N, C-alpha and C. Protein backbone atom coordinates (compact mmCIF):
# COMPACT_ATOMS: atom_id res chain seq x y z
N MET A 1 17.74 -3.52 12.30
CA MET A 1 16.65 -4.00 13.12
C MET A 1 15.33 -3.34 12.70
N PHE A 2 15.35 -2.01 12.53
CA PHE A 2 14.12 -1.33 12.13
C PHE A 2 13.69 -1.75 10.73
N ARG A 3 14.66 -1.99 9.85
CA ARG A 3 14.32 -2.41 8.50
C ARG A 3 13.55 -3.73 8.53
N ALA A 4 14.00 -4.66 9.36
CA ALA A 4 13.30 -5.95 9.48
C ALA A 4 11.90 -5.76 10.03
N LEU A 5 11.76 -4.90 11.03
CA LEU A 5 10.44 -4.64 11.60
C LEU A 5 9.50 -4.01 10.59
N ILE A 6 10.04 -3.15 9.74
CA ILE A 6 9.21 -2.52 8.71
C ILE A 6 8.68 -3.57 7.75
N TYR A 7 9.56 -4.43 7.23
CA TYR A 7 9.13 -5.45 6.27
C TYR A 7 8.15 -6.43 6.90
N LEU A 8 8.45 -6.90 8.11
CA LEU A 8 7.57 -7.88 8.76
C LEU A 8 6.25 -7.25 9.18
N GLY A 9 6.31 -6.04 9.73
CA GLY A 9 5.08 -5.38 10.15
C GLY A 9 4.17 -5.06 8.99
N LEU A 10 4.74 -4.46 7.95
CA LEU A 10 3.94 -4.13 6.78
C LEU A 10 3.45 -5.41 6.08
N GLY A 11 4.30 -6.43 6.05
CA GLY A 11 3.89 -7.71 5.46
C GLY A 11 2.72 -8.32 6.18
N TRP A 12 2.76 -8.28 7.51
CA TRP A 12 1.67 -8.83 8.31
C TRP A 12 0.38 -8.03 8.10
N VAL A 13 0.49 -6.71 8.13
CA VAL A 13 -0.69 -5.87 7.94
C VAL A 13 -1.29 -6.09 6.56
N LEU A 14 -0.46 -6.13 5.53
CA LEU A 14 -0.97 -6.32 4.17
C LEU A 14 -1.55 -7.72 3.97
N ALA A 15 -0.91 -8.74 4.56
CA ALA A 15 -1.42 -10.11 4.42
C ALA A 15 -2.80 -10.25 5.06
N ALA A 16 -3.06 -9.47 6.09
CA ALA A 16 -4.37 -9.52 6.75
C ALA A 16 -5.36 -8.55 6.12
N ALA A 17 -4.90 -7.36 5.74
CA ALA A 17 -5.81 -6.31 5.29
C ALA A 17 -6.33 -6.52 3.87
N VAL A 18 -5.49 -7.00 2.96
CA VAL A 18 -5.92 -7.13 1.57
C VAL A 18 -7.08 -8.12 1.43
N PRO A 19 -6.98 -9.34 1.96
CA PRO A 19 -8.14 -10.24 1.86
C PRO A 19 -9.35 -9.76 2.68
N ALA A 20 -9.09 -9.09 3.80
CA ALA A 20 -10.20 -8.59 4.61
C ALA A 20 -10.98 -7.52 3.85
N LEU A 21 -10.27 -6.61 3.21
CA LEU A 21 -10.94 -5.58 2.42
C LEU A 21 -11.68 -6.19 1.24
N ALA A 22 -11.09 -7.21 0.63
CA ALA A 22 -11.76 -7.88 -0.48
C ALA A 22 -13.06 -8.53 -0.02
N ALA A 23 -13.05 -9.11 1.17
CA ALA A 23 -14.27 -9.73 1.70
C ALA A 23 -15.32 -8.68 2.05
N VAL A 24 -14.89 -7.58 2.64
CA VAL A 24 -15.83 -6.52 3.02
C VAL A 24 -16.50 -5.91 1.79
N PHE A 25 -15.72 -5.67 0.75
CA PHE A 25 -16.27 -5.04 -0.45
C PHE A 25 -16.82 -6.05 -1.45
N GLY A 26 -16.75 -7.33 -1.14
CA GLY A 26 -17.30 -8.35 -2.02
C GLY A 26 -16.53 -8.52 -3.32
N LEU A 27 -15.23 -8.28 -3.28
CA LEU A 27 -14.42 -8.43 -4.49
C LEU A 27 -14.17 -9.91 -4.76
N THR A 28 -14.36 -10.30 -6.00
CA THR A 28 -14.11 -11.69 -6.38
C THR A 28 -13.00 -11.78 -7.42
N VAL A 29 -12.13 -10.80 -7.43
CA VAL A 29 -11.02 -10.80 -8.37
C VAL A 29 -9.79 -11.42 -7.71
N MET A 30 -8.80 -11.70 -8.53
CA MET A 30 -7.53 -12.23 -8.02
C MET A 30 -6.85 -11.16 -7.19
N LEU A 31 -6.38 -11.52 -6.00
CA LEU A 31 -5.73 -10.56 -5.11
C LEU A 31 -4.22 -10.57 -5.34
N PRO A 32 -3.57 -9.44 -5.11
CA PRO A 32 -2.11 -9.38 -5.31
C PRO A 32 -1.35 -10.09 -4.20
N SER A 33 -0.14 -10.49 -4.52
CA SER A 33 0.76 -11.06 -3.52
C SER A 33 1.66 -9.93 -3.02
N THR A 34 1.24 -9.30 -1.95
CA THR A 34 2.00 -8.16 -1.43
C THR A 34 3.34 -8.59 -0.85
N SER A 35 3.42 -9.82 -0.36
CA SER A 35 4.71 -10.29 0.17
C SER A 35 5.74 -10.40 -0.94
N THR A 36 5.30 -10.73 -2.15
CA THR A 36 6.23 -10.77 -3.28
C THR A 36 6.80 -9.39 -3.56
N ILE A 37 5.95 -8.38 -3.52
CA ILE A 37 6.40 -7.01 -3.76
C ILE A 37 7.37 -6.58 -2.67
N LEU A 38 7.07 -6.94 -1.43
CA LEU A 38 7.98 -6.61 -0.33
C LEU A 38 9.36 -7.23 -0.55
N LEU A 39 9.38 -8.47 -1.02
CA LEU A 39 10.67 -9.14 -1.23
C LEU A 39 11.42 -8.59 -2.44
N VAL A 40 10.70 -8.16 -3.47
CA VAL A 40 11.36 -7.50 -4.60
C VAL A 40 11.98 -6.20 -4.11
N HIS A 41 11.26 -5.45 -3.31
CA HIS A 41 11.79 -4.20 -2.75
C HIS A 41 13.03 -4.49 -1.91
N LEU A 42 12.96 -5.49 -1.06
CA LEU A 42 14.10 -5.83 -0.21
C LEU A 42 15.31 -6.26 -1.03
N ALA A 43 15.08 -7.08 -2.05
CA ALA A 43 16.20 -7.57 -2.85
C ALA A 43 16.87 -6.45 -3.63
N PHE A 44 16.09 -5.51 -4.13
CA PHE A 44 16.65 -4.49 -5.00
C PHE A 44 17.03 -3.20 -4.29
N THR A 45 16.55 -2.97 -3.08
CA THR A 45 16.91 -1.74 -2.37
C THR A 45 17.57 -2.00 -1.03
N GLY A 46 17.62 -3.24 -0.60
CA GLY A 46 18.21 -3.57 0.69
C GLY A 46 19.72 -3.71 0.60
N PRO A 47 20.34 -4.06 1.72
CA PRO A 47 21.79 -4.25 1.73
C PRO A 47 22.20 -5.36 0.76
N ARG A 48 23.15 -5.09 -0.09
CA ARG A 48 23.55 -6.05 -1.12
C ARG A 48 24.34 -7.23 -0.56
N ASP A 49 25.01 -7.03 0.56
CA ASP A 49 25.89 -8.08 1.07
C ASP A 49 25.23 -8.96 2.12
N SER A 50 23.94 -8.80 2.33
CA SER A 50 23.27 -9.52 3.40
C SER A 50 22.16 -10.40 2.87
N GLN A 51 22.53 -11.50 2.21
CA GLN A 51 21.53 -12.43 1.72
C GLN A 51 20.83 -13.12 2.89
N GLY A 52 21.54 -13.36 3.97
CA GLY A 52 20.95 -14.01 5.14
C GLY A 52 19.83 -13.18 5.75
N PHE A 53 20.02 -11.87 5.82
CA PHE A 53 18.98 -10.98 6.34
C PHE A 53 17.72 -11.09 5.49
N GLY A 54 17.89 -10.98 4.19
CA GLY A 54 16.75 -11.06 3.29
C GLY A 54 16.08 -12.42 3.31
N LEU A 55 16.88 -13.47 3.42
CA LEU A 55 16.32 -14.82 3.47
C LEU A 55 15.50 -15.02 4.74
N THR A 56 15.95 -14.44 5.84
CA THR A 56 15.18 -14.52 7.09
C THR A 56 13.84 -13.81 6.94
N ILE A 57 13.86 -12.63 6.34
CA ILE A 57 12.61 -11.90 6.10
C ILE A 57 11.71 -12.69 5.16
N ALA A 58 12.28 -13.28 4.10
CA ALA A 58 11.49 -14.05 3.15
C ALA A 58 10.82 -15.24 3.82
N MET A 59 11.56 -15.93 4.67
CA MET A 59 10.98 -17.09 5.35
C MET A 59 9.89 -16.67 6.34
N ALA A 60 10.10 -15.55 7.02
CA ALA A 60 9.08 -15.07 7.96
C ALA A 60 7.81 -14.65 7.21
N LEU A 61 7.97 -13.95 6.09
CA LEU A 61 6.80 -13.56 5.30
C LEU A 61 6.10 -14.79 4.71
N GLY A 62 6.88 -15.77 4.29
CA GLY A 62 6.30 -17.01 3.78
C GLY A 62 5.51 -17.74 4.85
N TYR A 63 6.03 -17.74 6.07
CA TYR A 63 5.31 -18.37 7.18
C TYR A 63 4.00 -17.63 7.47
N LEU A 64 4.04 -16.29 7.43
CA LEU A 64 2.81 -15.52 7.61
C LEU A 64 1.79 -15.86 6.52
N GLU A 65 2.26 -16.00 5.29
CA GLU A 65 1.37 -16.38 4.19
C GLU A 65 0.82 -17.79 4.40
N ASP A 66 1.65 -18.71 4.88
CA ASP A 66 1.17 -20.06 5.21
C ASP A 66 0.01 -19.99 6.19
N LEU A 67 0.17 -19.18 7.23
CA LEU A 67 -0.86 -19.05 8.25
C LEU A 67 -2.14 -18.41 7.70
N HIS A 68 -2.00 -17.35 6.91
CA HIS A 68 -3.17 -16.63 6.41
C HIS A 68 -3.90 -17.39 5.33
N GLN A 69 -3.18 -18.16 4.51
CA GLN A 69 -3.83 -18.84 3.39
C GLN A 69 -4.21 -20.27 3.72
N GLY A 70 -3.76 -20.79 4.84
CA GLY A 70 -4.09 -22.15 5.20
C GLY A 70 -3.37 -23.19 4.36
N ALA A 71 -2.25 -22.82 3.81
CA ALA A 71 -1.45 -23.76 3.02
C ALA A 71 -0.78 -24.77 3.94
N PRO A 72 -0.42 -25.93 3.41
CA PRO A 72 0.33 -26.88 4.25
C PRO A 72 1.57 -26.19 4.81
N SER A 73 1.81 -26.39 6.07
CA SER A 73 2.88 -25.68 6.78
C SER A 73 4.22 -25.86 6.08
N GLY A 74 4.86 -24.76 5.78
CA GLY A 74 6.18 -24.76 5.16
C GLY A 74 6.17 -24.60 3.66
N THR A 75 5.03 -24.77 3.01
CA THR A 75 4.97 -24.68 1.55
C THR A 75 5.35 -23.28 1.06
N LEU A 76 4.66 -22.28 1.55
CA LEU A 76 4.95 -20.91 1.11
C LEU A 76 6.23 -20.38 1.73
N THR A 77 6.61 -20.92 2.88
CA THR A 77 7.90 -20.54 3.47
C THR A 77 9.03 -20.94 2.54
N LEU A 78 8.99 -22.17 2.05
CA LEU A 78 10.01 -22.65 1.11
C LEU A 78 9.96 -21.87 -0.19
N SER A 79 8.76 -21.63 -0.71
CA SER A 79 8.62 -20.91 -1.97
C SER A 79 9.16 -19.49 -1.88
N HIS A 80 8.86 -18.81 -0.79
CA HIS A 80 9.37 -17.45 -0.61
C HIS A 80 10.90 -17.44 -0.49
N ALA A 81 11.45 -18.43 0.20
CA ALA A 81 12.90 -18.50 0.35
C ALA A 81 13.58 -18.72 -1.00
N VAL A 82 13.06 -19.65 -1.80
CA VAL A 82 13.65 -19.92 -3.12
C VAL A 82 13.54 -18.69 -4.00
N MET A 83 12.37 -18.03 -3.98
CA MET A 83 12.19 -16.83 -4.79
C MET A 83 13.17 -15.73 -4.37
N PHE A 84 13.36 -15.54 -3.06
CA PHE A 84 14.26 -14.47 -2.62
C PHE A 84 15.70 -14.74 -3.02
N VAL A 85 16.14 -15.99 -2.94
CA VAL A 85 17.51 -16.30 -3.35
C VAL A 85 17.70 -15.92 -4.82
N GLY A 86 16.72 -16.25 -5.66
CA GLY A 86 16.79 -15.85 -7.06
C GLY A 86 16.78 -14.34 -7.24
N LEU A 87 15.90 -13.66 -6.50
CA LEU A 87 15.84 -12.20 -6.58
C LEU A 87 17.14 -11.56 -6.14
N HIS A 88 17.74 -12.10 -5.09
CA HIS A 88 18.99 -11.53 -4.59
C HIS A 88 20.09 -11.61 -5.65
N HIS A 89 20.17 -12.74 -6.34
CA HIS A 89 21.21 -12.88 -7.36
C HIS A 89 20.91 -12.00 -8.58
N VAL A 90 19.66 -11.88 -8.94
CA VAL A 90 19.30 -11.01 -10.07
C VAL A 90 19.56 -9.55 -9.72
N SER A 91 19.32 -9.17 -8.47
CA SER A 91 19.50 -7.77 -8.07
C SER A 91 20.96 -7.33 -8.13
N ARG A 92 21.86 -8.28 -8.14
CA ARG A 92 23.29 -7.94 -8.25
C ARG A 92 23.69 -7.70 -9.71
N ARG A 93 22.79 -8.02 -10.64
CA ARG A 93 23.10 -7.89 -12.06
C ARG A 93 22.34 -6.75 -12.75
N ILE A 94 21.12 -6.49 -12.29
CA ILE A 94 20.31 -5.46 -12.95
C ILE A 94 19.77 -4.49 -11.91
N ALA A 95 19.27 -3.36 -12.39
CA ALA A 95 18.66 -2.35 -11.53
C ALA A 95 17.20 -2.17 -11.94
N LEU A 96 16.41 -1.62 -11.03
CA LEU A 96 15.01 -1.32 -11.31
C LEU A 96 14.81 0.19 -11.21
N PRO A 97 15.14 0.93 -12.28
CA PRO A 97 15.14 2.39 -12.19
C PRO A 97 13.76 3.04 -12.21
N GLY A 98 12.74 2.36 -12.68
CA GLY A 98 11.44 3.02 -12.79
C GLY A 98 10.29 2.11 -12.42
N LEU A 99 9.10 2.67 -12.48
CA LEU A 99 7.90 1.96 -12.07
C LEU A 99 7.64 0.73 -12.94
N VAL A 100 7.80 0.85 -14.24
CA VAL A 100 7.52 -0.27 -15.13
C VAL A 100 8.45 -1.44 -14.84
N SER A 101 9.73 -1.16 -14.64
CA SER A 101 10.66 -2.25 -14.34
C SER A 101 10.34 -2.90 -13.00
N ARG A 102 9.88 -2.13 -12.03
CA ARG A 102 9.49 -2.69 -10.73
C ARG A 102 8.25 -3.57 -10.88
N MET A 103 7.30 -3.12 -11.70
CA MET A 103 6.09 -3.90 -11.94
C MET A 103 6.42 -5.22 -12.63
N VAL A 104 7.28 -5.16 -13.63
CA VAL A 104 7.68 -6.38 -14.34
C VAL A 104 8.42 -7.32 -13.40
N ALA A 105 9.33 -6.78 -12.60
CA ALA A 105 10.07 -7.62 -11.66
C ALA A 105 9.14 -8.29 -10.65
N SER A 106 8.14 -7.55 -10.17
CA SER A 106 7.18 -8.13 -9.23
C SER A 106 6.35 -9.23 -9.89
N ALA A 107 5.94 -9.00 -11.13
CA ALA A 107 5.15 -10.01 -11.84
C ALA A 107 5.96 -11.26 -12.11
N VAL A 108 7.20 -11.09 -12.54
CA VAL A 108 8.06 -12.25 -12.81
C VAL A 108 8.36 -13.01 -11.51
N ALA A 109 8.64 -12.27 -10.44
CA ALA A 109 8.90 -12.92 -9.15
C ALA A 109 7.67 -13.70 -8.69
N LEU A 110 6.49 -13.17 -8.94
CA LEU A 110 5.26 -13.86 -8.57
C LEU A 110 5.09 -15.14 -9.36
N VAL A 111 5.40 -15.11 -10.65
CA VAL A 111 5.31 -16.33 -11.46
C VAL A 111 6.28 -17.38 -10.92
N VAL A 112 7.48 -16.97 -10.55
CA VAL A 112 8.44 -17.91 -9.96
C VAL A 112 7.89 -18.46 -8.64
N LEU A 113 7.35 -17.59 -7.80
CA LEU A 113 6.79 -18.02 -6.52
C LEU A 113 5.66 -19.02 -6.73
N ASP A 114 4.74 -18.72 -7.63
CA ASP A 114 3.63 -19.64 -7.89
C ASP A 114 4.10 -20.95 -8.51
N ALA A 115 5.12 -20.88 -9.37
CA ALA A 115 5.64 -22.11 -9.98
C ALA A 115 6.30 -23.00 -8.93
N VAL A 116 7.07 -22.41 -8.04
CA VAL A 116 7.71 -23.21 -6.98
C VAL A 116 6.64 -23.79 -6.05
N THR A 117 5.65 -22.99 -5.69
CA THR A 117 4.57 -23.48 -4.83
C THR A 117 3.82 -24.61 -5.51
N TRP A 118 3.50 -24.43 -6.79
CA TRP A 118 2.82 -25.49 -7.55
C TRP A 118 3.68 -26.75 -7.59
N GLY A 119 4.98 -26.59 -7.82
CA GLY A 119 5.86 -27.76 -7.87
C GLY A 119 5.92 -28.51 -6.55
N VAL A 120 5.99 -27.78 -5.46
CA VAL A 120 6.01 -28.43 -4.14
C VAL A 120 4.70 -29.16 -3.89
N LEU A 121 3.59 -28.49 -4.14
CA LEU A 121 2.29 -29.11 -3.90
C LEU A 121 2.03 -30.27 -4.86
N TRP A 122 2.45 -30.13 -6.12
CA TRP A 122 2.26 -31.20 -7.09
C TRP A 122 3.09 -32.42 -6.71
N GLY A 123 4.33 -32.17 -6.27
CA GLY A 123 5.20 -33.28 -5.88
C GLY A 123 4.72 -34.00 -4.63
N LEU A 124 4.05 -33.29 -3.76
CA LEU A 124 3.56 -33.88 -2.51
C LEU A 124 2.04 -34.05 -2.50
N ALA A 125 1.43 -34.08 -3.68
CA ALA A 125 -0.03 -34.14 -3.78
C ALA A 125 -0.61 -35.36 -3.08
N GLU A 126 0.01 -36.51 -3.25
CA GLU A 126 -0.51 -37.72 -2.62
C GLU A 126 -0.42 -37.63 -1.10
N ALA A 127 0.69 -37.12 -0.59
CA ALA A 127 0.85 -37.00 0.86
C ALA A 127 -0.15 -36.00 1.45
N PHE A 128 -0.46 -34.94 0.71
CA PHE A 128 -1.40 -33.93 1.18
C PHE A 128 -2.83 -34.23 0.76
N GLU A 129 -3.04 -35.32 0.02
CA GLU A 129 -4.34 -35.72 -0.50
C GLU A 129 -4.96 -34.62 -1.37
N LEU A 130 -4.15 -34.10 -2.27
CA LEU A 130 -4.59 -33.08 -3.22
C LEU A 130 -4.76 -33.71 -4.60
N HIS A 131 -5.70 -33.19 -5.37
CA HIS A 131 -5.88 -33.66 -6.74
C HIS A 131 -4.97 -32.84 -7.65
N ARG A 132 -4.15 -33.53 -8.42
CA ARG A 132 -3.21 -32.82 -9.29
C ARG A 132 -3.92 -32.02 -10.37
N GLY A 133 -5.06 -32.50 -10.82
CA GLY A 133 -5.83 -31.76 -11.81
C GLY A 133 -6.28 -30.40 -11.29
N ALA A 134 -6.66 -30.37 -10.02
CA ALA A 134 -7.07 -29.09 -9.41
C ALA A 134 -5.89 -28.14 -9.31
N LEU A 135 -4.71 -28.68 -9.01
CA LEU A 135 -3.51 -27.84 -8.94
C LEU A 135 -3.18 -27.26 -10.32
N ASN A 136 -3.34 -28.09 -11.36
CA ASN A 136 -3.07 -27.61 -12.71
C ASN A 136 -4.05 -26.50 -13.11
N LEU A 137 -5.33 -26.67 -12.75
CA LEU A 137 -6.32 -25.63 -13.06
C LEU A 137 -6.03 -24.34 -12.31
N ALA A 138 -5.61 -24.46 -11.06
CA ALA A 138 -5.29 -23.27 -10.27
C ALA A 138 -4.07 -22.56 -10.84
N PHE A 139 -3.07 -23.32 -11.31
CA PHE A 139 -1.86 -22.70 -11.85
C PHE A 139 -2.15 -21.97 -13.16
N ALA A 140 -3.24 -22.34 -13.83
CA ALA A 140 -3.59 -21.66 -15.08
C ALA A 140 -3.93 -20.18 -14.86
N ASP A 141 -4.29 -19.82 -13.63
CA ASP A 141 -4.62 -18.42 -13.32
C ASP A 141 -3.42 -17.59 -12.89
N VAL A 142 -2.22 -18.10 -13.08
CA VAL A 142 -1.03 -17.38 -12.62
C VAL A 142 -0.89 -16.03 -13.33
N GLY A 143 -1.36 -15.92 -14.54
CA GLY A 143 -1.28 -14.65 -15.27
C GLY A 143 -2.09 -13.55 -14.59
N TRP A 144 -3.28 -13.89 -14.13
CA TRP A 144 -4.11 -12.91 -13.42
C TRP A 144 -3.49 -12.54 -12.09
N HIS A 145 -2.89 -13.51 -11.42
CA HIS A 145 -2.22 -13.25 -10.15
C HIS A 145 -1.03 -12.31 -10.37
N ALA A 146 -0.29 -12.54 -11.44
CA ALA A 146 0.86 -11.68 -11.77
C ALA A 146 0.40 -10.27 -12.11
N LEU A 147 -0.71 -10.15 -12.84
CA LEU A 147 -1.23 -8.82 -13.19
C LEU A 147 -1.67 -8.06 -11.93
N ALA A 148 -2.38 -8.73 -11.04
CA ALA A 148 -2.81 -8.08 -9.80
C ALA A 148 -1.61 -7.62 -8.97
N THR A 149 -0.59 -8.45 -8.94
CA THR A 149 0.62 -8.10 -8.18
C THR A 149 1.34 -6.92 -8.83
N ALA A 150 1.44 -6.94 -10.15
CA ALA A 150 2.10 -5.82 -10.84
C ALA A 150 1.36 -4.51 -10.58
N LEU A 151 0.04 -4.55 -10.58
CA LEU A 151 -0.74 -3.32 -10.36
C LEU A 151 -0.64 -2.81 -8.92
N ALA A 152 -0.34 -3.70 -7.98
CA ALA A 152 -0.21 -3.28 -6.58
C ALA A 152 1.22 -2.88 -6.23
N THR A 153 2.14 -2.96 -7.18
CA THR A 153 3.54 -2.70 -6.89
C THR A 153 3.78 -1.28 -6.39
N TYR A 154 3.24 -0.29 -7.09
CA TYR A 154 3.53 1.09 -6.71
C TYR A 154 3.03 1.43 -5.30
N PRO A 155 1.79 1.11 -4.94
CA PRO A 155 1.34 1.47 -3.58
C PRO A 155 2.16 0.79 -2.48
N VAL A 156 2.52 -0.47 -2.68
CA VAL A 156 3.30 -1.17 -1.65
C VAL A 156 4.71 -0.59 -1.57
N TRP A 157 5.32 -0.34 -2.72
CA TRP A 157 6.67 0.25 -2.76
C TRP A 157 6.67 1.61 -2.08
N PHE A 158 5.63 2.41 -2.36
CA PHE A 158 5.50 3.74 -1.77
C PHE A 158 5.32 3.63 -0.25
N ALA A 159 4.51 2.69 0.20
CA ALA A 159 4.29 2.49 1.64
C ALA A 159 5.59 2.11 2.34
N LEU A 160 6.41 1.28 1.69
CA LEU A 160 7.70 0.91 2.27
C LEU A 160 8.62 2.11 2.38
N ASP A 161 8.65 2.94 1.36
CA ASP A 161 9.50 4.13 1.41
C ASP A 161 9.04 5.11 2.49
N ILE A 162 7.73 5.26 2.64
CA ILE A 162 7.19 6.14 3.69
C ILE A 162 7.54 5.58 5.07
N ALA A 163 7.33 4.28 5.27
CA ALA A 163 7.63 3.67 6.57
C ALA A 163 9.12 3.77 6.88
N SER A 164 9.96 3.62 5.88
CA SER A 164 11.41 3.75 6.09
C SER A 164 11.77 5.16 6.51
N SER A 165 11.13 6.15 5.91
CA SER A 165 11.44 7.53 6.27
C SER A 165 10.98 7.85 7.69
N TRP A 166 9.90 7.23 8.16
CA TRP A 166 9.44 7.43 9.54
C TRP A 166 10.49 7.00 10.54
N PHE A 167 11.22 5.92 10.21
CA PHE A 167 12.24 5.41 11.11
C PHE A 167 13.61 6.00 10.82
N GLY A 168 13.67 6.95 9.91
CA GLY A 168 14.93 7.59 9.59
C GLY A 168 15.86 6.73 8.74
N LEU A 169 15.31 5.70 8.10
CA LEU A 169 16.11 4.85 7.23
C LEU A 169 16.04 5.40 5.82
N ARG A 170 17.17 5.59 5.24
CA ARG A 170 17.23 6.09 3.88
C ARG A 170 17.15 4.90 2.94
N PRO A 171 16.18 4.90 2.00
CA PRO A 171 16.12 3.79 1.06
C PRO A 171 17.39 3.74 0.21
N LEU A 172 17.92 2.57 0.02
CA LEU A 172 19.11 2.41 -0.80
C LEU A 172 18.73 2.59 -2.26
N SER A 173 19.70 2.92 -3.07
CA SER A 173 19.47 3.16 -4.48
C SER A 173 19.02 1.88 -5.16
N THR A 174 18.23 2.03 -6.24
CA THR A 174 17.84 0.87 -7.03
C THR A 174 18.87 0.55 -8.09
N ASP A 175 19.94 1.29 -8.14
CA ASP A 175 21.02 1.03 -9.09
C ASP A 175 22.18 0.38 -8.34
N PRO A 176 22.45 -0.92 -8.60
CA PRO A 176 23.48 -1.61 -7.82
C PRO A 176 24.87 -1.03 -8.00
N ARG A 177 25.12 -0.30 -9.10
CA ARG A 177 26.44 0.30 -9.30
C ARG A 177 26.71 1.41 -8.30
N LEU A 178 25.64 2.04 -7.79
CA LEU A 178 25.80 3.13 -6.83
C LEU A 178 25.94 2.64 -5.40
N ASP A 179 25.65 1.37 -5.15
CA ASP A 179 25.64 0.85 -3.79
C ASP A 179 26.88 0.03 -3.45
N ARG A 180 27.90 0.07 -4.26
CA ARG A 180 29.10 -0.72 -3.96
C ARG A 180 29.72 -0.22 -2.67
N GLY A 181 30.17 -1.13 -1.87
CA GLY A 181 30.81 -0.77 -0.61
C GLY A 181 29.85 -0.68 0.55
N ARG A 182 28.57 -0.94 0.33
CA ARG A 182 27.59 -0.91 1.43
C ARG A 182 27.39 -2.29 1.96
């Protein structure tokens, strides 16, 4: 229960604070997807046998992103859910032992998230009255979005570990071989 509150609470705070700080300081750079980092952390350090728990968190964070970004309702919810299912299966095969591997995993997860979001919006462009050319131009910036997300990985990961320790939750190992039986 506390683990879910940590992910949702921190996700909500970051989804609101990052764009707010960018507006206050006049930043015009690509902002990181902190919810992607949260889901990478959950997939690789959370309970291995509870895909449903992680999927619930992914859908809730996606819904928060839908609300904050003004996306058509359900678009980012679906994208976050699809990304988490992929992350969950990958986390059963590989480990993220260091900062560089966590940054790469966050960047790759972000590319998957943006690709799924682009696919949903492109497929429903006529229903949403969107121009497909504009979607294609926006998707061209996915590299910058991935870089911003990779650079924000360490602070978000560290904040999650600190919040977990406040609630007395021990972060699970990033090596799936050590977590068997949990």
